Amino acid sequence: MTTETANANRTDADDTLAPSVIFELLCEDHRRQALAYLSRTVGAVDLADIIDWLARRDGEPTPERIDRLTLEFHHTHLRKLGDAAVVRYDAETERVERRAMARALDPYLELAAADQSPAR
């Protein structure tokens, strides 16, 4: 079963994301990092791969950390990202795919990545 919801968060004029939606999607670190991960991949990826990458990024990927991240994604992040039509999540296969609408987030993801780079 593919989870996909109608999108009321886009502007009608040019089919882009509203600024408030962009800020809402990017305000949470794990969601922002998952979007950055997906921007570097082609096609659908296993949710477990995203969770594992995030857990390693946060430190030691303990079972507790993985469980917490998995719950966060199932109960919050995937719903928000799907509602904004930036990802498609297939609950049967547990695969996540970046959608074309996510390109609207790329400039902001690049700024966030530059901000996290070590100072020279």
N, C-alpha and C. Protein backbone atom coordinates (compact mmCIF):
# COMPACT_ATOMS: atom_id res chain seq x y z
N MET A 1 0.84 -1.18 0.00
CA MET A 1 0.00 0.00 0.00
C MET A 1 0.88 1.24 0.00
N THR A 2 0.66 2.10 -0.94
CA THR A 2 1.43 3.33 -1.01
C THR A 2 0.68 4.42 -0.28
N THR A 3 1.37 5.10 0.61
CA THR A 3 0.76 6.20 1.34
C THR A 3 1.03 7.48 0.59
N GLU A 4 -0.03 8.12 0.14
CA GLU A 4 0.12 9.38 -0.56
C GLU A 4 -1.12 10.20 -0.25
N THR A 5 -0.92 11.42 0.15
CA THR A 5 -2.06 12.25 0.50
C THR A 5 -2.13 13.44 -0.44
N ALA A 6 -3.32 14.00 -0.55
CA ALA A 6 -3.49 15.20 -1.36
C ALA A 6 -2.72 16.33 -0.70
N ASN A 7 -2.19 17.20 -1.51
CA ASN A 7 -1.33 18.24 -0.97
C ASN A 7 -2.06 19.58 -0.96
N ALA A 8 -2.30 20.07 0.24
CA ALA A 8 -2.90 21.39 0.40
C ALA A 8 -1.86 22.41 0.79
N ASN A 9 -0.59 22.01 0.77
CA ASN A 9 0.48 22.88 1.23
C ASN A 9 1.26 23.54 0.10
N ARG A 10 0.83 23.36 -1.10
CA ARG A 10 1.50 24.00 -2.22
C ARG A 10 0.71 25.24 -2.61
N THR A 11 1.39 26.18 -3.23
CA THR A 11 0.68 27.34 -3.72
C THR A 11 0.06 26.98 -5.06
N ASP A 12 -1.13 27.47 -5.33
CA ASP A 12 -1.81 27.15 -6.57
C ASP A 12 -1.18 27.82 -7.77
N ALA A 13 -0.58 28.97 -7.57
CA ALA A 13 -0.08 29.77 -8.68
C ALA A 13 1.01 29.07 -9.48
N ASP A 14 1.99 28.50 -8.81
CA ASP A 14 3.10 27.93 -9.56
C ASP A 14 3.51 26.54 -9.09
N ASP A 15 2.67 25.89 -8.31
CA ASP A 15 2.92 24.52 -7.88
C ASP A 15 4.25 24.38 -7.13
N THR A 16 4.58 25.36 -6.30
CA THR A 16 5.77 25.28 -5.45
C THR A 16 5.33 25.18 -4.00
N LEU A 17 6.28 24.92 -3.14
CA LEU A 17 5.97 24.86 -1.72
C LEU A 17 5.87 26.25 -1.13
N ALA A 18 4.91 26.45 -0.27
CA ALA A 18 4.76 27.72 0.44
C ALA A 18 5.93 27.88 1.41
N PRO A 19 6.39 29.11 1.62
CA PRO A 19 7.51 29.32 2.56
C PRO A 19 7.26 28.72 3.94
N SER A 20 6.05 28.82 4.45
CA SER A 20 5.77 28.26 5.77
C SER A 20 5.95 26.74 5.79
N VAL A 21 5.63 26.09 4.68
CA VAL A 21 5.81 24.64 4.58
C VAL A 21 7.30 24.29 4.53
N ILE A 22 8.04 25.06 3.75
CA ILE A 22 9.50 24.84 3.66
C ILE A 22 10.12 24.93 5.05
N PHE A 23 9.79 25.98 5.78
CA PHE A 23 10.36 26.16 7.11
C PHE A 23 9.93 25.05 8.06
N GLU A 24 8.68 24.64 7.97
CA GLU A 24 8.18 23.56 8.83
C GLU A 24 8.91 22.25 8.52
N LEU A 25 9.12 21.95 7.26
CA LEU A 25 9.80 20.71 6.88
C LEU A 25 11.26 20.70 7.33
N LEU A 26 11.90 21.85 7.27
CA LEU A 26 13.34 21.92 7.54
C LEU A 26 13.70 22.27 8.98
N CYS A 27 12.72 22.56 9.81
CA CYS A 27 13.02 23.01 11.16
C CYS A 27 13.52 21.88 12.06
N GLU A 28 13.24 20.64 11.73
CA GLU A 28 13.64 19.52 12.57
C GLU A 28 14.87 18.86 11.95
N ASP A 29 15.92 18.68 12.75
CA ASP A 29 17.21 18.20 12.25
C ASP A 29 17.14 16.84 11.56
N HIS A 30 16.49 15.86 12.17
CA HIS A 30 16.44 14.53 11.55
C HIS A 30 15.68 14.55 10.22
N ARG A 31 14.63 15.33 10.15
CA ARG A 31 13.87 15.44 8.89
C ARG A 31 14.74 16.12 7.83
N ARG A 32 15.43 17.16 8.23
CA ARG A 32 16.32 17.88 7.30
C ARG A 32 17.44 16.97 6.81
N GLN A 33 18.03 16.21 7.71
CA GLN A 33 19.11 15.30 7.33
C GLN A 33 18.61 14.17 6.43
N ALA A 34 17.41 13.67 6.70
CA ALA A 34 16.83 12.63 5.84
C ALA A 34 16.59 13.17 4.44
N LEU A 35 16.12 14.41 4.34
CA LEU A 35 15.92 15.03 3.03
C LEU A 35 17.25 15.20 2.30
N ALA A 36 18.29 15.57 3.02
CA ALA A 36 19.62 15.69 2.41
C ALA A 36 20.10 14.33 1.93
N TYR A 37 19.89 13.29 2.73
CA TYR A 37 20.26 11.93 2.35
C TYR A 37 19.54 11.54 1.05
N LEU A 38 18.24 11.78 1.00
CA LEU A 38 17.46 11.42 -0.19
C LEU A 38 17.88 12.24 -1.41
N SER A 39 18.36 13.45 -1.19
CA SER A 39 18.77 14.28 -2.33
C SER A 39 20.03 13.73 -2.99
N ARG A 40 20.75 12.88 -2.29
CA ARG A 40 21.98 12.29 -2.82
C ARG A 40 21.78 10.87 -3.36
N THR A 41 20.53 10.41 -3.40
CA THR A 41 20.24 9.07 -3.88
C THR A 41 19.35 9.13 -5.11
N VAL A 42 19.32 8.03 -5.83
CA VAL A 42 18.44 7.91 -7.00
C VAL A 42 17.46 6.80 -6.71
N GLY A 43 16.19 7.08 -6.87
CA GLY A 43 15.17 6.07 -6.64
C GLY A 43 14.82 5.92 -5.17
N ALA A 44 14.03 4.89 -4.90
CA ALA A 44 13.56 4.62 -3.55
C ALA A 44 14.66 3.95 -2.73
N VAL A 45 14.68 4.24 -1.44
CA VAL A 45 15.62 3.62 -0.51
C VAL A 45 14.84 3.05 0.66
N ASP A 46 15.44 2.07 1.31
CA ASP A 46 14.82 1.50 2.50
C ASP A 46 14.82 2.51 3.62
N LEU A 47 13.69 2.62 4.32
CA LEU A 47 13.62 3.50 5.48
C LEU A 47 14.70 3.10 6.49
N ALA A 48 14.96 1.80 6.62
CA ALA A 48 15.98 1.32 7.56
C ALA A 48 17.35 1.89 7.23
N ASP A 49 17.65 2.10 5.96
CA ASP A 49 18.95 2.68 5.57
C ASP A 49 19.05 4.13 6.04
N ILE A 50 17.96 4.87 5.89
CA ILE A 50 17.94 6.26 6.35
C ILE A 50 18.11 6.31 7.86
N ILE A 51 17.35 5.47 8.57
CA ILE A 51 17.41 5.42 10.03
C ILE A 51 18.81 5.05 10.50
N ASP A 52 19.40 4.05 9.87
CA ASP A 52 20.75 3.62 10.24
C ASP A 52 21.75 4.76 10.04
N TRP A 53 21.65 5.45 8.91
CA TRP A 53 22.55 6.57 8.62
C TRP A 53 22.40 7.67 9.67
N LEU A 54 21.15 7.99 10.01
CA LEU A 54 20.90 9.03 11.03
C LEU A 54 21.44 8.59 12.40
N ALA A 55 21.22 7.34 12.75
CA ALA A 55 21.68 6.84 14.06
C ALA A 55 23.20 6.90 14.13
N ARG A 56 23.89 6.55 13.06
CA ARG A 56 25.36 6.63 13.04
C ARG A 56 25.83 8.08 13.10
N ARG A 57 25.10 8.96 12.43
CA ARG A 57 25.44 10.38 12.43
C ARG A 57 25.33 10.96 13.84
N ASP A 58 24.33 10.47 14.61
CA ASP A 58 24.10 10.95 15.97
C ASP A 58 25.06 10.34 16.99
N GLY A 59 25.79 9.30 16.61
CA GLY A 59 26.68 8.60 17.53
C GLY A 59 26.59 7.11 17.32
N GLU A 60 26.71 6.37 18.38
CA GLU A 60 26.62 4.91 18.30
C GLU A 60 25.18 4.51 17.95
N PRO A 61 24.99 3.68 16.91
CA PRO A 61 23.63 3.29 16.51
C PRO A 61 23.07 2.19 17.42
N THR A 62 22.71 2.56 18.63
CA THR A 62 22.17 1.60 19.59
C THR A 62 20.75 1.20 19.18
N PRO A 63 20.29 0.03 19.62
CA PRO A 63 18.91 -0.37 19.33
C PRO A 63 17.89 0.66 19.81
N GLU A 64 18.17 1.29 20.95
CA GLU A 64 17.24 2.30 21.48
C GLU A 64 17.18 3.51 20.55
N ARG A 65 18.33 3.96 20.07
CA ARG A 65 18.38 5.11 19.16
C ARG A 65 17.65 4.78 17.86
N ILE A 66 17.87 3.59 17.34
CA ILE A 66 17.22 3.17 16.10
C ILE A 66 15.71 3.09 16.30
N ASP A 67 15.27 2.53 17.42
CA ASP A 67 13.83 2.44 17.70
C ASP A 67 13.21 3.83 17.81
N ARG A 68 13.90 4.74 18.49
CA ARG A 68 13.38 6.11 18.66
C ARG A 68 13.24 6.80 17.31
N LEU A 69 14.28 6.69 16.48
CA LEU A 69 14.24 7.31 15.15
C LEU A 69 13.15 6.70 14.28
N THR A 70 13.00 5.39 14.35
CA THR A 70 11.97 4.72 13.57
C THR A 70 10.59 5.21 13.97
N LEU A 71 10.35 5.33 15.26
CA LEU A 71 9.06 5.85 15.74
C LEU A 71 8.84 7.29 15.29
N GLU A 72 9.88 8.12 15.39
CA GLU A 72 9.77 9.51 14.94
C GLU A 72 9.35 9.57 13.48
N PHE A 73 9.99 8.76 12.65
CA PHE A 73 9.69 8.80 11.23
C PHE A 73 8.29 8.27 10.93
N HIS A 74 7.90 7.17 11.56
CA HIS A 74 6.58 6.61 11.30
C HIS A 74 5.46 7.52 11.80
N HIS A 75 5.65 8.18 12.92
CA HIS A 75 4.57 8.95 13.52
C HIS A 75 4.56 10.43 13.15
N THR A 76 5.67 10.95 12.70
CA THR A 76 5.74 12.39 12.43
C THR A 76 6.33 12.72 11.07
N HIS A 77 7.58 12.38 10.87
CA HIS A 77 8.32 12.88 9.71
C HIS A 77 7.76 12.42 8.37
N LEU A 78 7.47 11.13 8.23
CA LEU A 78 6.97 10.64 6.95
C LEU A 78 5.63 11.26 6.59
N ARG A 79 4.81 11.47 7.59
CA ARG A 79 3.50 12.10 7.35
C ARG A 79 3.67 13.53 6.86
N LYS A 80 4.52 14.30 7.53
CA LYS A 80 4.74 15.70 7.11
C LYS A 80 5.34 15.76 5.71
N LEU A 81 6.32 14.91 5.44
CA LEU A 81 6.98 14.92 4.14
C LEU A 81 6.03 14.44 3.04
N GLY A 82 5.19 13.48 3.35
CA GLY A 82 4.21 13.00 2.39
C GLY A 82 3.11 14.02 2.13
N ASP A 83 2.64 14.67 3.18
CA ASP A 83 1.61 15.71 3.03
C ASP A 83 2.09 16.86 2.15
N ALA A 84 3.38 17.16 2.22
CA ALA A 84 3.95 18.23 1.40
C ALA A 84 4.34 17.74 0.01
N ALA A 85 4.14 16.45 -0.26
CA ALA A 85 4.43 15.84 -1.56
C ALA A 85 5.91 15.89 -1.94
N VAL A 86 6.79 15.88 -0.93
CA VAL A 86 8.22 15.87 -1.22
C VAL A 86 8.80 14.46 -1.18
N VAL A 87 8.10 13.52 -0.53
CA VAL A 87 8.50 12.12 -0.56
C VAL A 87 7.26 11.24 -0.76
N ARG A 88 7.52 10.04 -1.21
CA ARG A 88 6.50 9.00 -1.30
C ARG A 88 7.00 7.87 -0.42
N TYR A 89 6.14 7.40 0.48
CA TYR A 89 6.50 6.30 1.36
C TYR A 89 5.57 5.12 1.09
N ASP A 90 6.16 3.98 0.82
CA ASP A 90 5.40 2.76 0.60
C ASP A 90 5.48 1.96 1.90
N ALA A 91 4.39 1.89 2.62
CA ALA A 91 4.37 1.23 3.93
C ALA A 91 4.59 -0.27 3.83
N GLU A 92 4.18 -0.90 2.73
CA GLU A 92 4.36 -2.35 2.58
C GLU A 92 5.83 -2.71 2.44
N THR A 93 6.55 -1.96 1.61
CA THR A 93 7.96 -2.26 1.37
C THR A 93 8.89 -1.46 2.27
N GLU A 94 8.32 -0.48 2.98
CA GLU A 94 9.07 0.44 3.83
C GLU A 94 10.19 1.14 3.06
N ARG A 95 9.83 1.60 1.87
CA ARG A 95 10.78 2.34 1.03
C ARG A 95 10.29 3.77 0.87
N VAL A 96 11.27 4.68 0.83
CA VAL A 96 11.01 6.11 0.73
C VAL A 96 11.63 6.60 -0.57
N GLU A 97 10.88 7.42 -1.28
CA GLU A 97 11.39 7.97 -2.53
C GLU A 97 11.18 9.47 -2.56
N ARG A 98 12.18 10.18 -2.96
CA ARG A 98 12.11 11.63 -3.11
C ARG A 98 11.28 11.93 -4.35
N ARG A 99 10.39 12.91 -4.24
CA ARG A 99 9.55 13.32 -5.36
C ARG A 99 10.07 14.63 -5.94
N ALA A 100 9.58 14.96 -7.11
CA ALA A 100 10.05 16.16 -7.82
C ALA A 100 9.86 17.43 -6.99
N MET A 101 8.80 17.50 -6.21
CA MET A 101 8.53 18.69 -5.39
C MET A 101 9.67 18.98 -4.42
N ALA A 102 10.45 17.96 -4.06
CA ALA A 102 11.55 18.14 -3.11
C ALA A 102 12.65 19.03 -3.65
N ARG A 103 12.71 19.21 -4.96
CA ARG A 103 13.73 20.11 -5.52
C ARG A 103 13.60 21.53 -4.97
N ALA A 104 12.41 21.91 -4.56
CA ALA A 104 12.20 23.25 -3.99
C ALA A 104 12.99 23.42 -2.69
N LEU A 105 13.35 22.31 -2.05
CA LEU A 105 14.08 22.37 -0.78
C LEU A 105 15.59 22.39 -0.96
N ASP A 106 16.08 22.04 -2.13
CA ASP A 106 17.52 21.90 -2.35
C ASP A 106 18.35 23.12 -1.98
N PRO A 107 17.95 24.35 -2.36
CA PRO A 107 18.78 25.50 -1.97
C PRO A 107 18.90 25.65 -0.45
N TYR A 108 17.84 25.34 0.26
CA TYR A 108 17.84 25.45 1.71
C TYR A 108 18.67 24.34 2.35
N LEU A 109 18.62 23.16 1.76
CA LEU A 109 19.45 22.05 2.25
C LEU A 109 20.92 22.36 2.05
N GLU A 110 21.27 22.99 0.93
CA GLU A 110 22.65 23.39 0.68
C GLU A 110 23.12 24.42 1.70
N LEU A 111 22.26 25.39 2.02
CA LEU A 111 22.60 26.39 3.03
C LEU A 111 22.80 25.74 4.40
N ALA A 112 21.93 24.81 4.74
CA ALA A 112 22.05 24.13 6.03
C ALA A 112 23.33 23.31 6.09
N ALA A 113 23.70 22.66 5.00
CA ALA A 113 24.93 21.87 4.96
C ALA A 113 26.15 22.78 5.09
N ALA A 114 26.12 23.92 4.42
CA ALA A 114 27.24 24.87 4.51
C ALA A 114 27.37 25.41 5.93
N ASP A 115 26.25 25.61 6.60
CA ASP A 115 26.25 26.13 7.97
C ASP A 115 26.84 25.10 8.93
N GLN A 116 26.72 23.81 8.63
CA GLN A 116 27.23 22.76 9.50
C GLN A 116 28.68 22.40 9.20
N SER A 117 29.22 22.92 8.11
CA SER A 117 30.62 22.64 7.77
C SER A 117 31.55 23.31 8.77
N PRO A 118 32.68 22.67 9.05
CA PRO A 118 33.63 23.29 10.00
C PRO A 118 34.17 24.61 9.43
N ALA A 119 34.34 25.57 10.30
CA ALA A 119 34.87 26.88 9.90
C ALA A 119 36.34 26.75 9.50
N ARG A 120 36.75 27.56 8.54
CA ARG A 120 38.14 27.51 8.09
C ARG A 120 38.95 28.57 8.77
